[in-house]
């Protein structure tokens, strides 16, 4: 028999489920020591000024390359980081800025 607890919002709670009421509430997952909501200046959104085109693949950059390859690689990485940050902020896992 399982010894874990399931938290379920269920159909009777159409507004969803909230864990913690304030950014100072402590939350920990998977046995990690609970902490308050991380916040800091480094969480501010990144502006991608690389001039590249983001994609889903980063091309291998060998001994000979052109600037477009580097710009596209930077743009692709920036797009993924920006999306991860957006999701974490939306979930409340991080504040997003100081």
C-alpha atoms as a PDB file:
ATOM      1  CA  UNK A   1       0.000   0.000   0.000  1.00  0.00           C
ATOM      2  CA  UNK A   2       1.341   3.441  -0.930  1.00  0.00           C
ATOM      3  CA  UNK A   3       2.348   5.716   1.933  1.00  0.00           C
ATOM      4  CA  UNK A   4       2.153   9.006   0.043  1.00  0.00           C
ATOM      5  CA  UNK A   5      -0.530  11.701   0.004  1.00  0.00           C
ATOM      6  CA  UNK A   6      -2.110  12.981  -3.176  1.00  0.00           C
ATOM      7  CA  UNK A   7      -3.237  16.603  -3.396  1.00  0.00           C
ATOM      8  CA  UNK A   8      -5.918  17.001  -6.017  1.00  0.00           C
ATOM      9  CA  UNK A   9      -7.816  20.152  -6.946  1.00  0.00           C
ATOM     10  CA  UNK A  10     -10.575  18.101  -8.562  1.00  0.00           C
ATOM     11  CA  UNK A  11     -13.625  19.287 -10.460  1.00  0.00           C
ATOM     12  CA  UNK A  12     -15.117  20.960  -7.384  1.00  0.00           C
ATOM     13  CA  UNK A  13     -12.211  23.433  -7.331  1.00  0.00           C
ATOM     14  CA  UNK A  14     -12.331  24.973 -10.799  1.00  0.00           C
ATOM     15  CA  UNK A  15     -10.113  27.876  -9.660  1.00  0.00           C
ATOM     16  CA  UNK A  16      -7.193  25.466  -9.228  1.00  0.00           C
ATOM     17  CA  UNK A  17      -4.790  24.708  -6.394  1.00  0.00           C
ATOM     18  CA  UNK A  18      -2.478  27.156  -4.624  1.00  0.00           C
ATOM     19  CA  UNK A  19       0.480  26.108  -2.483  1.00  0.00           C
ATOM     20  CA  UNK A  20       1.677  28.893  -0.211  1.00  0.00           C
ATOM     21  CA  UNK A  21      -0.050  32.217   0.331  1.00  0.00           C
ATOM     22  CA  UNK A  22       2.931  34.582   0.345  1.00  0.00           C
ATOM     23  CA  UNK A  23       6.372  34.800  -1.230  1.00  0.00           C
ATOM     24  CA  UNK A  24       7.804  34.253   2.262  1.00  0.00           C
ATOM     25  CA  UNK A  25       6.070  30.871   2.695  1.00  0.00           C
ATOM     26  CA  UNK A  26       8.530  27.986   2.614  1.00  0.00           C
ATOM     27  CA  UNK A  27       8.108  25.223   0.026  1.00  0.00           C
ATOM     28  CA  UNK A  28      10.337  22.239  -0.706  1.00  0.00           C
ATOM     29  CA  UNK A  29       9.952  19.397  -3.206  1.00  0.00           C
ATOM     30  CA  UNK A  30      11.491  15.927  -3.298  1.00  0.00           C
ATOM     31  CA  UNK A  31      12.951  16.102   0.203  1.00  0.00           C
ATOM     32  CA  UNK A  32      14.757  19.408  -0.311  1.00  0.00           C
ATOM     33  CA  UNK A  33      14.766  21.889   2.586  1.00  0.00           C
ATOM     34  CA  UNK A  34      11.858  24.298   2.098  1.00  0.00           C
ATOM     35  CA  UNK A  35      12.760  27.844   1.018  1.00  0.00           C
ATOM     36  CA  UNK A  36      10.863  31.026   0.257  1.00  0.00           C
ATOM     37  CA  UNK A  37      10.294  32.212  -3.325  1.00  0.00           C
ATOM     38  CA  UNK A  38      13.658  32.924  -4.969  1.00  0.00           C
ATOM     39  CA  UNK A  39      14.074  36.515  -6.123  1.00  0.00           C
ATOM     40  CA  UNK A  40      16.988  38.484  -7.489  1.00  0.00           C
ATOM     41  CA  UNK A  41      18.113  40.917 -10.127  1.00  0.00           C
ATOM     42  CA  UNK A  42      19.518  38.066 -12.241  1.00  0.00           C
ATOM     43  CA  UNK A  43      15.961  36.822 -12.803  1.00  0.00           C
ATOM     44  CA  UNK A  44      15.020  39.801 -14.966  1.00  0.00           C
ATOM     45  CA  UNK A  45      13.989  38.820 -18.507  1.00  0.00           C
ATOM     46  CA  UNK A  46      16.803  38.516 -21.065  1.00  0.00           C
ATOM     47  CA  UNK A  47      16.721  40.712 -24.149  1.00  0.00           C
ATOM     48  CA  UNK A  48      18.060  38.838 -27.178  1.00  0.00           C
ATOM     49  CA  UNK A  49      19.967  41.292 -29.346  1.00  0.00           C
ATOM     50  CA  UNK A  50      21.992  38.603 -31.114  1.00  0.00           C
ATOM     51  CA  UNK A  51      20.327  39.237 -34.462  1.00  0.00           C
ATOM     52  CA  UNK A  52      19.988  35.487 -34.950  1.00  0.00           C
ATOM     53  CA  UNK A  53      16.970  33.339 -35.640  1.00  0.00           C
ATOM     54  CA  UNK A  54      15.882  30.986 -32.878  1.00  0.00           C
ATOM     55  CA  UNK A  55      15.220  27.376 -33.762  1.00  0.00           C
ATOM     56  CA  UNK A  56      14.912  23.975 -32.138  1.00  0.00           C
ATOM     57  CA  UNK A  57      18.415  22.814 -33.040  1.00  0.00           C
ATOM     58  CA  UNK A  58      21.823  24.330 -32.390  1.00  0.00           C
ATOM     59  CA  UNK A  59      24.079  23.618 -35.337  1.00  0.00           C
ATOM     60  CA  UNK A  60      27.591  22.340 -34.729  1.00  0.00           C
ATOM     61  CA  UNK A  61      30.052  25.212 -34.835  1.00  0.00           C
ATOM     62  CA  UNK A  62      33.354  23.910 -36.128  1.00  0.00           C
ATOM     63  CA  UNK A  63      36.722  25.498 -36.832  1.00  0.00           C
ATOM     64  CA  UNK A  64      35.211  27.450 -39.707  1.00  0.00           C
ATOM     65  CA  UNK A  65      31.901  29.165 -39.120  1.00  0.00           C
ATOM     66  CA  UNK A  66      30.095  32.331 -39.995  1.00  0.00           C
ATOM     67  CA  UNK A  67      28.523  34.888 -37.707  1.00  0.00           C
ATOM     68  CA  UNK A  68      25.008  33.742 -38.651  1.00  0.00           C
ATOM     69  CA  UNK A  69      25.688  30.313 -37.095  1.00  0.00           C
ATOM     70  CA  UNK A  70      26.822  31.903 -33.841  1.00  0.00           C
ATOM     71  CA  UNK A  71      23.936  34.398 -33.809  1.00  0.00           C
ATOM     72  CA  UNK A  72      21.403  31.630 -34.435  1.00  0.00           C
ATOM     73  CA  UNK A  73      22.899  29.479 -31.671  1.00  0.00           C
ATOM     74  CA  UNK A  74      22.737  32.384 -29.207  1.00  0.00           C
ATOM     75  CA  UNK A  75      19.175  33.230 -30.277  1.00  0.00           C
ATOM     76  CA  UNK A  76      18.085  29.610 -29.842  1.00  0.00           C
ATOM     77  CA  UNK A  77      19.573  29.380 -26.353  1.00  0.00           C
ATOM     78  CA  UNK A  78      18.120  32.762 -25.390  1.00  0.00           C
ATOM     79  CA  UNK A  79      14.648  31.740 -26.585  1.00  0.00           C
ATOM     80  CA  UNK A  80      14.731  28.579 -24.470  1.00  0.00           C
ATOM     81  CA  UNK A  81      16.004  30.417 -21.359  1.00  0.00           C
ATOM     82  CA  UNK A  82      13.374  33.132 -21.781  1.00  0.00           C
ATOM     83  CA  UNK A  83      10.600  30.549 -22.076  1.00  0.00           C
ATOM     84  CA  UNK A  84      11.812  28.617 -19.017  1.00  0.00           C
ATOM     85  CA  UNK A  85      11.951  31.865 -17.034  1.00  0.00           C
ATOM     86  CA  UNK A  86       8.451  32.826 -18.171  1.00  0.00           C
ATOM     87  CA  UNK A  87       7.078  29.463 -17.055  1.00  0.00           C
ATOM     88  CA  UNK A  88       8.799  29.663 -13.652  1.00  0.00           C
ATOM     89  CA  UNK A  89       7.500  33.197 -13.062  1.00  0.00           C
ATOM     90  CA  UNK A  90       3.987  32.215 -14.154  1.00  0.00           C
ATOM     91  CA  UNK A  91       4.026  29.282 -11.712  1.00  0.00           C
ATOM     92  CA  UNK A  92       5.382  31.514  -8.961  1.00  0.00           C
ATOM     93  CA  UNK A  93       8.485  29.340  -8.586  1.00  0.00           C
ATOM     94  CA  UNK A  94      10.640  32.466  -8.993  1.00  0.00           C
ATOM     95  CA  UNK A  95       9.758  36.133  -8.655  1.00  0.00           C
ATOM     96  CA  UNK A  96      11.250  37.179 -11.979  1.00  0.00           C
ATOM     97  CA  UNK A  97      13.126  40.275 -10.820  1.00  0.00           C
ATOM     98  CA  UNK A  98      14.430  41.869  -7.650  1.00  0.00           C
END
